[in-house]
Amino acid sequence: MKVAAVKKPGGPGNLIIEDRPSPEPGPGEVLIRVRASSLNYHDFVVVMGGIPTEDGRIPMSDGAGEVVSVGDGVTRFQKGDRVLSTFFPNWRDGGAMLDKLIGVPGDHIDGFAAEHVVMPAEALTRMPNGYSFREAATLPCAALTAWRGMFVEGNVKPGDWVLTQGTGGVSIFALQFAKAVGARVIATSSSDAKLERLKALGADHVINYKDTPDWGRAAKALTGGRGVDEVVEIGGPGTMAQSIAAARIGGHISLIGVLTGVSGEVPTAALFSANLTVSGITVGSRQDQEDMIAAIETSDIRPVLDQDFPLDEIAGAFAHQASQKHFGKITLSV
């Protein structure tokens, strides 16, 4: 079978295409013919060598495809079923614990940049009805991260104010989920062209954070001075102070990304005086994913897709991601 592999020290130039033997499913496992994957920031860090992995690791945490065969004891799926990966194969339900966060595809184990993949049946869910493989492959990391932050750890409801940052996959899914439940959205970006696209997706207000450096205060003003109920925080230390300034008393911040760094100053006095709750969000469980899929099927949410690349051109896909010119999810067709 054809696979993409990361050779050390990493970087798009060290992604190679090679042939490897096709795997066979063991007891409790499923053999999947992978049809699509999607690029996440986590995958980018792996490919660039920022997360140590074995030499020759097959990247990509997300995968959608169909079942080719099943091993002994598998009853969840049968040949021909259209299935979707989970970011944490060992996290079935409940809260996060260390043993549940081990085994991430494309990181701890080989991922979905391959024509065939064997995974435990318990680590898979069905795809949403009516979704293409390409659409489904955008869900396990980006969509589920937004979902868990807003509806599992947070409590977004109709009429609430949600603040999103940028135009990456998590932020766009957060916008779509918020509008689907009747919430109001303030979206930020440094690109006026991208802000117009966010408005077309339903954003009630947009802020160019380069033109308005004090965008937290500006966002709060848009709510009549009350503040936003939920912040989908993907920047990290460089944006946290503005997110705190934007939030209402008793509001919730879903801390998801580290695009501005992994550590930095946080205005703790402002944080506790506003009685804010900050939840660290690392994707979610299989049960969370099943709940999200059920919700997607009752709405008209479709993933916003950017450019699609064949597996042979995976290095070009990551170069496109690095350019930050994309809007929505970059995908791989396998």
C-alpha atoms as a PDB file:
ATOM      1  CA  MET A   1       0.000   0.000   0.000  1.00  0.00           C
ATOM      2  CA  LYS A   2       1.029   3.624  -0.485  1.00  0.00           C
ATOM      3  CA  VAL A   3       1.860   5.711   2.603  1.00  0.00           C
ATOM      4  CA  ALA A   4       3.398   9.064   3.447  1.00  0.00           C
ATOM      5  CA  ALA A   5       6.110   8.993   6.105  1.00  0.00           C
ATOM      6  CA  VAL A   6       8.015  11.643   8.063  1.00  0.00           C
ATOM      7  CA  LYS A   7      11.773  11.187   7.991  1.00  0.00           C
ATOM      8  CA  LYS A   8      13.820  12.944  10.649  1.00  0.00           C
ATOM      9  CA  PRO A   9      14.539  15.748  11.318  1.00  0.00           C
ATOM     10  CA  GLY A  10      11.119  16.616   9.892  1.00  0.00           C
ATOM     11  CA  GLY A  11       9.738  19.340   7.663  1.00  0.00           C
ATOM     12  CA  PRO A  12       7.716  19.077   4.431  1.00  0.00           C
ATOM     13  CA  GLY A  13      10.913  18.268   2.524  1.00  0.00           C
ATOM     14  CA  ASN A  14      11.319  15.127   4.628  1.00  0.00           C
ATOM     15  CA  LEU A  15       7.883  13.730   3.825  1.00  0.00           C
ATOM     16  CA  ILE A  16       8.345  10.754   1.539  1.00  0.00           C
ATOM     17  CA  ILE A  17       5.925   8.486  -0.316  1.00  0.00           C
ATOM     18  CA  GLU A  18       6.696   4.796  -0.064  1.00  0.00           C
ATOM     19  CA  ASP A  19       5.133   1.341  -0.301  1.00  0.00           C
ATOM     20  CA  ARG A  20       4.537  -0.779   2.783  1.00  0.00           C
ATOM     21  CA  PRO A  21       2.719  -4.087   3.336  1.00  0.00           C
ATOM     22  CA  SER A  22      -1.026  -3.750   3.944  1.00  0.00           C
ATOM     23  CA  PRO A  23      -1.985  -4.589   7.536  1.00  0.00           C
ATOM     24  CA  GLU A  24      -4.481  -7.249   8.619  1.00  0.00           C
ATOM     25  CA  PRO A  25      -7.034  -6.779  11.395  1.00  0.00           C
ATOM     26  CA  GLY A  26      -6.629  -8.777  14.583  1.00  0.00           C
ATOM     27  CA  PRO A  27      -9.292  -9.557  17.193  1.00  0.00           C
ATOM     28  CA  GLY A  28     -11.415  -6.497  17.908  1.00  0.00           C
ATOM     29  CA  GLU A  29      -9.878  -4.552  15.003  1.00  0.00           C
ATOM     30  CA  VAL A  30     -11.106  -3.119  11.709  1.00  0.00           C
ATOM     31  CA  LEU A  31      -9.247  -2.741   8.409  1.00  0.00           C
ATOM     32  CA  ILE A  32     -10.130   0.594   6.814  1.00  0.00           C
ATOM     33  CA  ARG A  33      -9.628   1.712   3.234  1.00  0.00           C
ATOM     34  CA  VAL A  34      -8.792   5.347   3.944  1.00  0.00           C
ATOM     35  CA  ARG A  35     -10.403   7.803   1.522  1.00  0.00           C
ATOM     36  CA  ALA A  36      -9.656  11.200   3.061  1.00  0.00           C
ATOM     37  CA  SER A  37      -7.803  13.020   5.819  1.00  0.00           C
ATOM     38  CA  SER A  38      -7.574  16.654   6.887  1.00  0.00           C
ATOM     39  CA  LEU A  39      -4.744  18.851   8.108  1.00  0.00           C
ATOM     40  CA  ASN A  40      -4.690  20.136  11.671  1.00  0.00           C
ATOM     41  CA  TYR A  41      -2.139  22.267  13.511  1.00  0.00           C
ATOM     42  CA  HIS A  42      -1.161  19.175  15.483  1.00  0.00           C
ATOM     43  CA  ASP A  43      -0.278  17.382  12.221  1.00  0.00           C
ATOM     44  CA  PHE A  44       1.786  20.379  11.140  1.00  0.00           C
ATOM     45  CA  VAL A  45       3.807  20.290  14.357  1.00  0.00           C
ATOM     46  CA  VAL A  46       4.421  16.540  13.932  1.00  0.00           C
ATOM     47  CA  VAL A  47       5.550  16.943  10.317  1.00  0.00           C
ATOM     48  CA  MET A  48       7.847  19.853  11.221  1.00  0.00           C
ATOM     49  CA  GLY A  49       9.533  17.753  13.905  1.00  0.00           C
ATOM     50  CA  GLY A  50       8.098  19.755  16.799  1.00  0.00           C
ATOM     51  CA  ILE A  51       6.669  16.618  18.420  1.00  0.00           C
ATOM     52  CA  PRO A  52       9.189  13.783  18.695  1.00  0.00           C
ATOM     53  CA  THR A  53       8.036  10.668  16.833  1.00  0.00           C
ATOM     54  CA  GLU A  54       9.637   7.520  15.500  1.00  0.00           C
ATOM     55  CA  ASP A  55      11.547   7.899  12.248  1.00  0.00           C
ATOM     56  CA  GLY A  56       9.220   6.999   9.399  1.00  0.00           C
ATOM     57  CA  ARG A  57       6.033   7.806  11.311  1.00  0.00           C
ATOM     58  CA  ILE A  58       2.923   7.929   9.109  1.00  0.00           C
ATOM     59  CA  PRO A  59       1.262  11.269   9.993  1.00  0.00           C
ATOM     60  CA  MET A  60      -2.345  12.516  10.094  1.00  0.00           C
ATOM     61  CA  SER A  61      -4.676  12.113  13.070  1.00  0.00           C
ATOM     62  CA  ASP A  62      -7.948  12.304  11.110  1.00  0.00           C
ATOM     63  CA  GLY A  63      -9.267   9.719   8.690  1.00  0.00           C
ATOM     64  CA  ALA A  64     -12.491   8.742   6.947  1.00  0.00           C
ATOM     65  CA  GLY A  65     -13.007   5.620   4.883  1.00  0.00           C
ATOM     66  CA  GLU A  66     -14.861   2.348   4.514  1.00  0.00           C
ATOM     67  CA  VAL A  67     -14.486  -0.960   6.307  1.00  0.00           C
ATOM     68  CA  VAL A  68     -12.710  -3.603   4.216  1.00  0.00           C
ATOM     69  CA  SER A  69     -12.774  -6.406   6.795  1.00  0.00           C
ATOM     70  CA  VAL A  70     -13.175  -6.954  10.524  1.00  0.00           C
ATOM     71  CA  GLY A  71     -11.341  -9.126  13.025  1.00  0.00           C
ATOM     72  CA  ASP A  72     -12.785 -11.687  15.406  1.00  0.00           C
ATOM     73  CA  GLY A  73     -15.280 -10.357  17.904  1.00  0.00           C
ATOM     74  CA  VAL A  74     -16.137  -7.117  16.059  1.00  0.00           C
ATOM     75  CA  THR A  75     -19.853  -6.322  16.116  1.00  0.00           C
ATOM     76  CA  ARG A  76     -19.853  -2.506  15.894  1.00  0.00           C
ATOM     77  CA  PHE A  77     -19.076  -2.455  12.169  1.00  0.00           C
ATOM     78  CA  GLN A  78     -19.210  -4.658   9.109  1.00  0.00           C
ATOM     79  CA  LYS A  79     -17.698  -4.631   5.637  1.00  0.00           C
ATOM     80  CA  GLY A  80     -18.758  -1.575   3.635  1.00  0.00           C
ATOM     81  CA  ASP A  81     -19.566   0.685   6.609  1.00  0.00           C
ATOM     82  CA  ARG A  82     -18.365   4.277   6.283  1.00  0.00           C
ATOM     83  CA  VAL A  83     -16.337   5.074   9.392  1.00  0.00           C
ATOM     84  CA  LEU A  84     -14.522   7.942  11.027  1.00  0.00           C
ATOM     85  CA  SER A  85     -11.470   7.984  13.268  1.00  0.00           C
ATOM     86  CA  THR A  86     -11.256   9.433  16.761  1.00  0.00           C
ATOM     87  CA  PHE A  87      -8.356  11.631  17.838  1.00  0.00           C
ATOM     88  CA  PHE A  88      -7.944   9.710  21.103  1.00  0.00           C
ATOM     89  CA  PRO A  89      -8.641   6.036  20.302  1.00  0.00           C
ATOM     90  CA  ASN A  90      -8.611   5.084  24.008  1.00  0.00           C
ATOM     91  CA  TRP A  91     -10.973   7.830  25.220  1.00  0.00           C
ATOM     92  CA  ARG A  92     -14.416   6.258  25.044  1.00  0.00           C
ATOM     93  CA  ASP A  93     -16.356   8.562  27.376  1.00  0.00           C
ATOM     94  CA  GLY A  94     -16.158  10.511  30.624  1.00  0.00           C
ATOM     95  CA  GLY A  95     -13.474  13.020  31.522  1.00  0.00           C
ATOM     96  CA  ALA A  96      -9.903  13.184  30.332  1.00  0.00           C
ATOM     97  CA  MET A  97      -7.351  10.946  32.070  1.00  0.00           C
ATOM     98  CA  LEU A  98      -3.779  10.122  31.128  1.00  0.00           C
ATOM     99  CA  ASP A  99      -4.489   6.580  29.954  1.00  0.00           C
ATOM    100  CA  LYS A 100      -7.253   7.891  27.683  1.00  0.00           C
ATOM    101  CA  LEU A 101      -4.941  10.396  25.985  1.00  0.00           C
ATOM    102  CA  ILE A 102      -2.385   7.825  24.791  1.00  0.00           C
ATOM    103  CA  GLY A 103      -2.336   6.459  21.240  1.00  0.00           C
ATOM    104  CA  VAL A 104      -2.984   9.508  19.035  1.00  0.00           C
ATOM    105  CA  PRO A 105      -2.784   8.496  15.345  1.00  0.00           C
ATOM    106  CA  GLY A 106       0.027  10.195  13.461  1.00  0.00           C
ATOM    107  CA  ASP A 107       1.822  10.910  16.730  1.00  0.00           C
ATOM    108  CA  HIS A 108       1.978   8.035  19.225  1.00  0.00           C
ATOM    109  CA  ILE A 109       1.085   5.513  16.500  1.00  0.00           C
ATOM    110  CA  ASP A 110       0.950   5.568  12.690  1.00  0.00           C
ATOM    111  CA  GLY A 111      -1.828   7.735  11.292  1.00  0.00           C
ATOM    112  CA  PHE A 112      -4.100   8.036   8.291  1.00  0.00           C
ATOM    113  CA  ALA A 113      -1.736   9.152   5.504  1.00  0.00           C
ATOM    114  CA  ALA A 114      -1.995   5.605   4.170  1.00  0.00           C
ATOM    115  CA  GLU A 115      -4.245   3.640   1.866  1.00  0.00           C
ATOM    116  CA  HIS A 116      -5.086   1.080   4.572  1.00  0.00           C
ATOM    117  CA  VAL A 117      -5.166   1.463   8.357  1.00  0.00           C
ATOM    118  CA  VAL A 118      -6.043  -1.002  11.111  1.00  0.00           C
ATOM    119  CA  MET A 119      -7.723   0.455  14.197  1.00  0.00           C
ATOM    120  CA  PRO A 120      -9.674  -0.991  17.125  1.00  0.00           C
ATOM    121  CA  ALA A 121     -13.381  -0.996  16.319  1.00  0.00           C
ATOM    122  CA  GLU A 122     -13.985   0.800  19.625  1.00  0.00           C
ATOM    123  CA  ALA A 123     -11.851   3.699  18.361  1.00  0.00           C
ATOM    124  CA  LEU A 124     -14.179   4.494  15.443  1.00  0.00           C
ATOM    125  CA  THR A 125     -17.555   6.127  14.912  1.00  0.00           C
ATOM    126  CA  ARG A 126     -19.854   6.188  11.940  1.00  0.00           C
ATOM    127  CA  MET A 127     -19.706   9.099   9.522  1.00  0.00           C
ATOM    128  CA  PRO A 128     -22.582  11.625   9.443  1.00  0.00           C
ATOM    129  CA  ASN A 129     -25.300  10.649   6.991  1.00  0.00           C
ATOM    130  CA  GLY A 130     -24.937  12.522   3.713  1.00  0.00           C
ATOM    131  CA  TYR A 131     -21.340  13.567   4.290  1.00  0.00           C
ATOM    132  CA  SER A 132     -18.609  12.869   1.765  1.00  0.00           C
ATOM    133  CA  PHE A 133     -15.392  11.241   2.959  1.00  0.00           C
ATOM    134  CA  ARG A 134     -13.647  14.577   2.532  1.00  0.00           C
ATOM    135  CA  GLU A 135     -16.233  16.400   4.653  1.00  0.00           C
ATOM    136  CA  ALA A 136     -16.224  13.726   7.363  1.00  0.00           C
ATOM    137  CA  ALA A 137     -12.427  13.770   7.623  1.00  0.00           C
ATOM    138  CA  THR A 138     -12.539  17.370   8.908  1.00  0.00           C
ATOM    139  CA  LEU A 139     -14.475  16.424  12.049  1.00  0.00           C
ATOM    140  CA  PRO A 140     -12.411  14.314  14.511  1.00  0.00           C
ATOM    141  CA  CYS A 141      -9.983  17.032  15.619  1.00  0.00           C
ATOM    142  CA  ALA A 142     -11.158  20.527  14.637  1.00  0.00           C
ATOM    143  CA  ALA A 143     -14.916  20.139  14.876  1.00  0.00           C
ATOM    144  CA  LEU A 144     -14.847  18.039  18.042  1.00  0.00           C
ATOM    145  CA  THR A 145     -12.515  20.501  19.746  1.00  0.00           C
ATOM    146  CA  ALA A 146     -14.988  23.321  19.114  1.00  0.00           C
ATOM    147  CA  TRP A 147     -17.920  21.124  20.128  1.00  0.00           C
ATOM    148  CA  ARG A 148     -16.443  20.011  23.447  1.00  0.00           C
ATOM    149  CA  GLY A 149     -15.311  23.506  24.381  1.00  0.00           C
ATOM    150  CA  MET A 150     -18.705  25.072  23.718  1.00  0.00           C
ATOM    151  CA  PHE A 151     -21.158  22.343  24.724  1.00  0.00           C
ATOM    152  CA  VAL A 152     -19.410  19.836  26.993  1.00  0.00           C
ATOM    153  CA  GLU A 153     -17.149  22.060  29.096  1.00  0.00           C
ATOM    154  CA  GLY A 154     -19.109  25.196  28.227  1.00  0.00           C
ATOM    155  CA  ASN A 155     -22.855  25.782  28.044  1.00  0.00           C
ATOM    156  CA  VAL A 156     -23.559  27.828  24.931  1.00  0.00           C
ATOM    157  CA  LYS A 157     -27.274  28.339  24.400  1.00  0.00           C
ATOM    158  CA  PRO A 158     -29.594  30.469  22.243  1.00  0.00           C
ATOM    159  CA  GLY A 159     -28.972  34.176  22.645  1.00  0.00           C
ATOM    160  CA  ASP A 160     -25.468  33.802  24.065  1.00  0.00           C
ATOM    161  CA  TRP A 161     -22.484  35.717  22.717  1.00  0.00           C
ATOM    162  CA  VAL A 162     -19.550  33.683  21.384  1.00  0.00           C
ATOM    163  CA  LEU A 163     -16.162  35.138  20.417  1.00  0.00           C
ATOM    164  CA  THR A 164     -14.061  33.269  17.851  1.00  0.00           C
ATOM    165  CA  GLN A 165     -10.504  33.971  16.742  1.00  0.00           C
ATOM    166  CA  GLY A 166      -9.248  33.644  13.186  1.00  0.00           C
ATOM    167  CA  THR A 167     -10.352  31.445  10.311  1.00  0.00           C
ATOM    168  CA  GLY A 168      -8.855  28.047  11.109  1.00  0.00           C
ATOM    169  CA  GLY A 169     -10.897  24.876  11.289  1.00  0.00           C
ATOM    170  CA  VAL A 170     -11.752  25.078  15.006  1.00  0.00           C
ATOM    171  CA  SER A 171     -12.856  28.704  14.787  1.00  0.00           C
ATOM    172  CA  ILE A 172     -15.065  28.193  11.735  1.00  0.00           C
ATOM    173  CA  PHE A 173     -16.715  25.133  13.266  1.00  0.00           C
ATOM    174  CA  ALA A 174     -17.277  27.148  16.457  1.00  0.00           C
ATOM    175  CA  LEU A 175     -18.999  29.849  14.402  1.00  0.00           C
ATOM    176  CA  GLN A 176     -21.180  27.283  12.652  1.00  0.00           C
ATOM    177  CA  PHE A 177     -22.125  25.446  15.855  1.00  0.00           C
ATOM    178  CA  ALA A 178     -22.911  28.714  17.637  1.00  0.00           C
ATOM    179  CA  LYS A 179     -25.215  29.908  14.873  1.00  0.00           C
ATOM    180  CA  ALA A 180     -26.888  26.493  14.692  1.00  0.00           C
ATOM    181  CA  VAL A 181     -28.056  26.848  18.331  1.00  0.00           C
ATOM    182  CA  GLY A 182     -29.096  30.485  17.945  1.00  0.00           C
ATOM    183  CA  ALA A 183     -26.100  32.164  19.574  1.00  0.00           C
ATOM    184  CA  ARG A 184     -24.557  35.438  18.414  1.00  0.00           C
ATOM    185  CA  VAL A 185     -20.978  35.484  17.169  1.00  0.00           C
ATOM    186  CA  ILE A 186     -18.194  38.063  17.170  1.00  0.00           C
ATOM    187  CA  ALA A 187     -15.358  36.903  14.920  1.00  0.00           C
ATOM    188  CA  THR A 188     -11.824  38.281  14.679  1.00  0.00           C
ATOM    189  CA  SER A 189      -9.198  38.124  11.937  1.00  0.00           C
ATOM    190  CA  SER A 190      -6.385  40.262  10.574  1.00  0.00           C
ATOM    191  CA  SER A 191      -7.758  40.000   7.015  1.00  0.00           C
ATOM    192  CA  ASP A 192     -10.698  42.103   5.866  1.00  0.00           C
ATOM    193  CA  ALA A 193     -11.328  39.647   3.027  1.00  0.00           C
ATOM    194  CA  LYS A 194     -11.557  36.753   5.481  1.00  0.00           C
ATOM    195  CA  LEU A 195     -13.788  38.806   7.774  1.00  0.00           C
ATOM    196  CA  GLU A 196     -16.220  39.237   4.887  1.00  0.00           C
ATOM    197  CA  ARG A 197     -16.298  35.472   4.443  1.00  0.00           C
ATOM    198  CA  LEU A 198     -16.968  35.038   8.165  1.00  0.00           C
ATOM    199  CA  LYS A 199     -19.897  37.442   7.871  1.00  0.00           C
ATOM    200  CA  ALA A 200     -21.213  35.360   4.983  1.00  0.00           C
ATOM    201  CA  LEU A 201     -21.096  32.317   7.283  1.00  0.00           C
ATOM    202  CA  GLY A 202     -23.247  34.135   9.821  1.00  0.00           C
ATOM    203  CA  ALA A 203     -20.948  36.147  12.077  1.00  0.00           C
ATOM    204  CA  ASP A 204     -23.008  38.964  13.633  1.00  0.00           C
ATOM    205  CA  HIS A 205     -19.986  41.244  14.119  1.00  0.00           C
ATOM    206  CA  VAL A 206     -16.379  41.117  12.953  1.00  0.00           C
ATOM    207  CA  ILE A 207     -13.237  42.823  14.267  1.00  0.00           C
ATOM    208  CA  ASN A 208      -9.913  43.258  12.484  1.00  0.00           C
ATOM    209  CA  TYR A 209      -7.522  42.783  15.395  1.00  0.00           C
ATOM    210  CA  LYS A 210      -4.667  44.524  13.572  1.00  0.00           C
ATOM    211  CA  ASP A 211      -6.772  47.652  13.106  1.00  0.00           C
ATOM    212  CA  THR A 212      -8.206  47.305  16.623  1.00  0.00           C
ATOM    213  CA  PRO A 213      -5.448  46.089  18.982  1.00  0.00           C
ATOM    214  CA  ASP A 214      -7.761  46.460  21.986  1.00  0.00           C
ATOM    215  CA  TRP A 215     -10.246  44.055  20.415  1.00  0.00           C
ATOM    216  CA  GLY A 216     -11.306  42.550  23.729  1.00  0.00           C
ATOM    217  CA  ARG A 217     -12.793  45.834  24.865  1.00  0.00           C
ATOM    218  CA  ALA A 218     -14.307  46.357  21.409  1.00  0.00           C
ATOM    219  CA  ALA A 219     -15.975  42.948  21.557  1.00  0.00           C
ATOM    220  CA  LYS A 220     -17.387  43.677  24.997  1.00  0.00           C
ATOM    221  CA  ALA A 221     -18.800  46.960  23.733  1.00  0.00           C
ATOM    222  CA  LEU A 222     -20.627  45.097  20.951  1.00  0.00           C
ATOM    223  CA  THR A 223     -22.520  43.154  23.641  1.00  0.00           C
ATOM    224  CA  GLY A 224     -23.724  46.375  25.254  1.00  0.00           C
ATOM    225  CA  GLY A 225     -20.950  46.235  27.849  1.00  0.00           C
ATOM    226  CA  ARG A 226     -22.023  42.872  29.302  1.00  0.00           C
ATOM    227  CA  GLY A 227     -19.301  40.749  27.727  1.00  0.00           C
ATOM    228  CA  VAL A 228     -19.316  37.495  25.795  1.00  0.00           C
ATOM    229  CA  ASP A 229     -20.454  34.226  27.333  1.00  0.00           C
ATOM    230  CA  GLU A 230     -17.935  31.995  25.547  1.00  0.00           C
ATOM    231  CA  VAL A 231     -14.484  32.632  24.087  1.00  0.00           C
ATOM    232  CA  VAL A 232     -12.963  30.040  21.766  1.00  0.00           C
ATOM    233  CA  GLU A 233      -9.336  30.892  22.566  1.00  0.00           C
ATOM    234  CA  ILE A 234      -6.909  29.560  19.976  1.00  0.00           C
ATOM    235  CA  GLY A 235      -4.081  32.078  20.277  1.00  0.00           C
ATOM    236  CA  GLY A 236      -2.729  31.346  23.737  1.00  0.00           C
ATOM    237  CA  PRO A 237      -0.638  33.797  25.774  1.00  0.00           C
ATOM    238  CA  GLY A 238      -0.617  36.506  23.104  1.00  0.00           C
ATOM    239  CA  THR A 239      -4.418  36.753  23.004  1.00  0.00           C
ATOM    240  CA  MET A 240      -5.517  35.598  26.456  1.00  0.00           C
ATOM    241  CA  ALA A 241      -5.569  39.061  28.002  1.00  0.00           C
ATOM    242  CA  GLN A 242      -7.914  40.322  25.280  1.00  0.00           C
ATOM    243  CA  SER A 243     -10.140  37.265  25.684  1.00  0.00           C
ATOM    244  CA  ILE A 244     -10.419  37.957  29.404  1.00  0.00           C
ATOM    245  CA  ALA A 245     -11.273  41.593  28.668  1.00  0.00           C
ATOM    246  CA  ALA A 246     -14.021  40.467  26.267  1.00  0.00           C
ATOM    247  CA  ALA A 247     -15.687  37.993  28.641  1.00  0.00           C
ATOM    248  CA  ARG A 248     -18.664  38.669  30.856  1.00  0.00           C
ATOM    249  CA  ILE A 249     -18.568  38.131  34.611  1.00  0.00           C
ATOM    250  CA  GLY A 250     -18.907  34.386  35.091  1.00  0.00           C
ATOM    251  CA  GLY A 251     -18.077  33.675  31.452  1.00  0.00           C
ATOM    252  CA  HIS A 252     -16.232  30.686  30.019  1.00  0.00           C
ATOM    253  CA  ILE A 253     -13.000  30.530  28.005  1.00  0.00           C
ATOM    254  CA  SER A 254     -12.168  27.376  26.050  1.00  0.00           C
ATOM    255  CA  LEU A 255      -8.370  27.386  25.931  1.00  0.00           C
ATOM    256  CA  ILE A 256      -7.550  25.422  22.789  1.00  0.00           C
ATOM    257  CA  GLY A 257      -4.530  26.721  20.920  1.00  0.00           C
ATOM    258  CA  VAL A 258      -0.974  27.933  21.352  1.00  0.00           C
ATOM    259  CA  LEU A 259      -0.536  29.850  18.111  1.00  0.00           C
ATOM    260  CA  THR A 260       1.186  32.721  19.942  1.00  0.00           C
ATOM    261  CA  GLY A 261       3.365  30.519  22.162  1.00  0.00           C
ATOM    262  CA  VAL A 262       3.221  27.909  24.880  1.00  0.00           C
ATOM    263  CA  SER A 263       3.680  30.218  27.871  1.00  0.00           C
ATOM    264  CA  GLY A 264       3.337  33.861  28.821  1.00  0.00           C
ATOM    265  CA  GLU A 265       1.824  36.386  31.192  1.00  0.00           C
ATOM    266  CA  VAL A 266      -1.829  36.084  32.170  1.00  0.00           C
ATOM    267  CA  PRO A 267      -3.697  38.930  33.944  1.00  0.00           C
ATOM    268  CA  THR A 268      -4.734  36.768  36.871  1.00  0.00           C
ATOM    269  CA  ALA A 269      -6.419  39.585  38.785  1.00  0.00           C
ATOM    270  CA  ALA A 270      -8.735  40.274  35.858  1.00  0.00           C
ATOM    271  CA  LEU A 271      -9.358  36.537  35.521  1.00  0.00           C
ATOM    272  CA  PHE A 272     -10.463  35.877  39.080  1.00  0.00           C
ATOM    273  CA  SER A 273     -12.191  39.212  39.641  1.00  0.00           C
ATOM    274  CA  ALA A 274     -14.487  38.439  36.707  1.00  0.00           C
ATOM    275  CA  ASN A 275     -15.118  34.922  38.107  1.00  0.00           C
ATOM    276  CA  LEU A 276     -14.151  33.397  34.774  1.00  0.00           C
ATOM    277  CA  THR A 277     -13.799  29.687  34.109  1.00  0.00           C
ATOM    278  CA  VAL A 278     -10.985  28.562  31.808  1.00  0.00           C
ATOM    279  CA  SER A 279     -11.149  25.014  30.451  1.00  0.00           C
ATOM    280  CA  GLY A 280      -8.197  23.413  28.726  1.00  0.00           C
ATOM    281  CA  ILE A 281      -9.574  21.600  25.682  1.00  0.00           C
ATOM    282  CA  THR A 282      -7.774  18.708  24.003  1.00  0.00           C
ATOM    283  CA  VAL A 283     -10.339  17.465  21.464  1.00  0.00           C
ATOM    284  CA  GLY A 284     -12.765  14.999  23.140  1.00  0.00           C
ATOM    285  CA  SER A 285     -14.053  11.474  23.622  1.00  0.00           C
ATOM    286  CA  ARG A 286     -15.737   9.012  21.283  1.00  0.00           C
ATOM    287  CA  GLN A 287     -19.037   9.727  23.055  1.00  0.00           C
ATOM    288  CA  ASP A 288     -18.532  13.455  22.459  1.00  0.00           C
ATOM    289  CA  GLN A 289     -17.934  12.716  18.771  1.00  0.00           C
ATOM    290  CA  GLU A 290     -21.076  10.588  18.522  1.00  0.00           C
ATOM    291  CA  ASP A 291     -23.110  13.360  20.176  1.00  0.00           C
ATOM    292  CA  MET A 292     -21.633  15.922  17.776  1.00  0.00           C
ATOM    293  CA  ILE A 293     -22.451  13.785  14.749  1.00  0.00           C
ATOM    294  CA  ALA A 294     -26.054  13.428  15.928  1.00  0.00           C
ATOM    295  CA  ALA A 295     -26.275  17.211  16.277  1.00  0.00           C
ATOM    296  CA  ILE A 296     -24.738  17.784  12.835  1.00  0.00           C
ATOM    297  CA  GLU A 297     -27.371  15.533  11.285  1.00  0.00           C
ATOM    298  CA  THR A 298     -30.175  17.691  12.693  1.00  0.00           C
ATOM    299  CA  SER A 299     -28.671  20.879  11.246  1.00  0.00           C
ATOM    300  CA  ASP A 300     -27.494  22.075   7.852  1.00  0.00           C
ATOM    301  CA  ILE A 301     -23.847  22.401   8.916  1.00  0.00           C
ATOM    302  CA  ARG A 302     -21.379  21.496   6.174  1.00  0.00           C
ATOM    303  CA  PRO A 303     -17.621  21.848   6.707  1.00  0.00           C
ATOM    304  CA  VAL A 304     -15.932  24.773   4.980  1.00  0.00           C
ATOM    305  CA  LEU A 305     -13.410  23.140   2.669  1.00  0.00           C
ATOM    306  CA  ASP A 306     -10.291  24.758   1.285  1.00  0.00           C
ATOM    307  CA  GLN A 307      -7.954  23.050  -1.167  1.00  0.00           C
ATOM    308  CA  ASP A 308      -7.735  19.275  -1.616  1.00  0.00           C
ATOM    309  CA  PHE A 309      -4.438  17.485  -2.304  1.00  0.00           C
ATOM    310  CA  PRO A 310      -3.711  13.903  -3.357  1.00  0.00           C
ATOM    311  CA  LEU A 311      -1.601  11.857  -0.959  1.00  0.00           C
ATOM    312  CA  ASP A 312       1.372  12.127  -3.331  1.00  0.00           C
ATOM    313  CA  GLU A 313       1.313  15.908  -2.803  1.00  0.00           C
ATOM    314  CA  ILE A 314       1.091  15.903   1.000  1.00  0.00           C
ATOM    315  CA  ALA A 315       4.195  18.117   1.256  1.00  0.00           C
ATOM    316  CA  GLY A 316       2.413  20.730  -0.862  1.00  0.00           C
ATOM    317  CA  ALA A 317      -0.606  20.515   1.426  1.00  0.00           C
ATOM    318  CA  PHE A 318       1.525  21.383   4.459  1.00  0.00           C
ATOM    319  CA  ALA A 319       3.254  24.180   2.548  1.00  0.00           C
ATOM    320  CA  HIS A 320      -0.201  25.583   1.782  1.00  0.00           C
ATOM    321  CA  GLN A 321      -1.084  25.353   5.467  1.00  0.00           C
ATOM    322  CA  ALA A 322       2.130  27.162   6.410  1.00  0.00           C
ATOM    323  CA  SER A 323       1.276  30.001   4.000  1.00  0.00           C
ATOM    324  CA  GLN A 324      -1.831  30.771   6.098  1.00  0.00           C
ATOM    325  CA  LYS A 325      -3.726  31.586   2.922  1.00  0.00           C
ATOM    326  CA  HIS A 326      -6.326  28.899   3.492  1.00  0.00           C
ATOM    327  CA  PHE A 327      -9.861  29.437   4.763  1.00  0.00           C
ATOM    328  CA  GLY A 328     -11.370  26.378   6.384  1.00  0.00           C
ATOM    329  CA  LYS A 329     -10.021  22.855   6.181  1.00  0.00           C
ATOM    330  CA  ILE A 330      -7.256  21.598   3.877  1.00  0.00           C
ATOM    331  CA  THR A 331      -7.829  17.967   2.959  1.00  0.00           C
ATOM    332  CA  LEU A 332      -6.006  14.967   1.532  1.00  0.00           C
ATOM    333  CA  SER A 333      -7.646  12.507  -0.843  1.00  0.00           C
ATOM    334  CA  VAL A 334      -6.116   9.078  -0.364  1.00  0.00           C
END
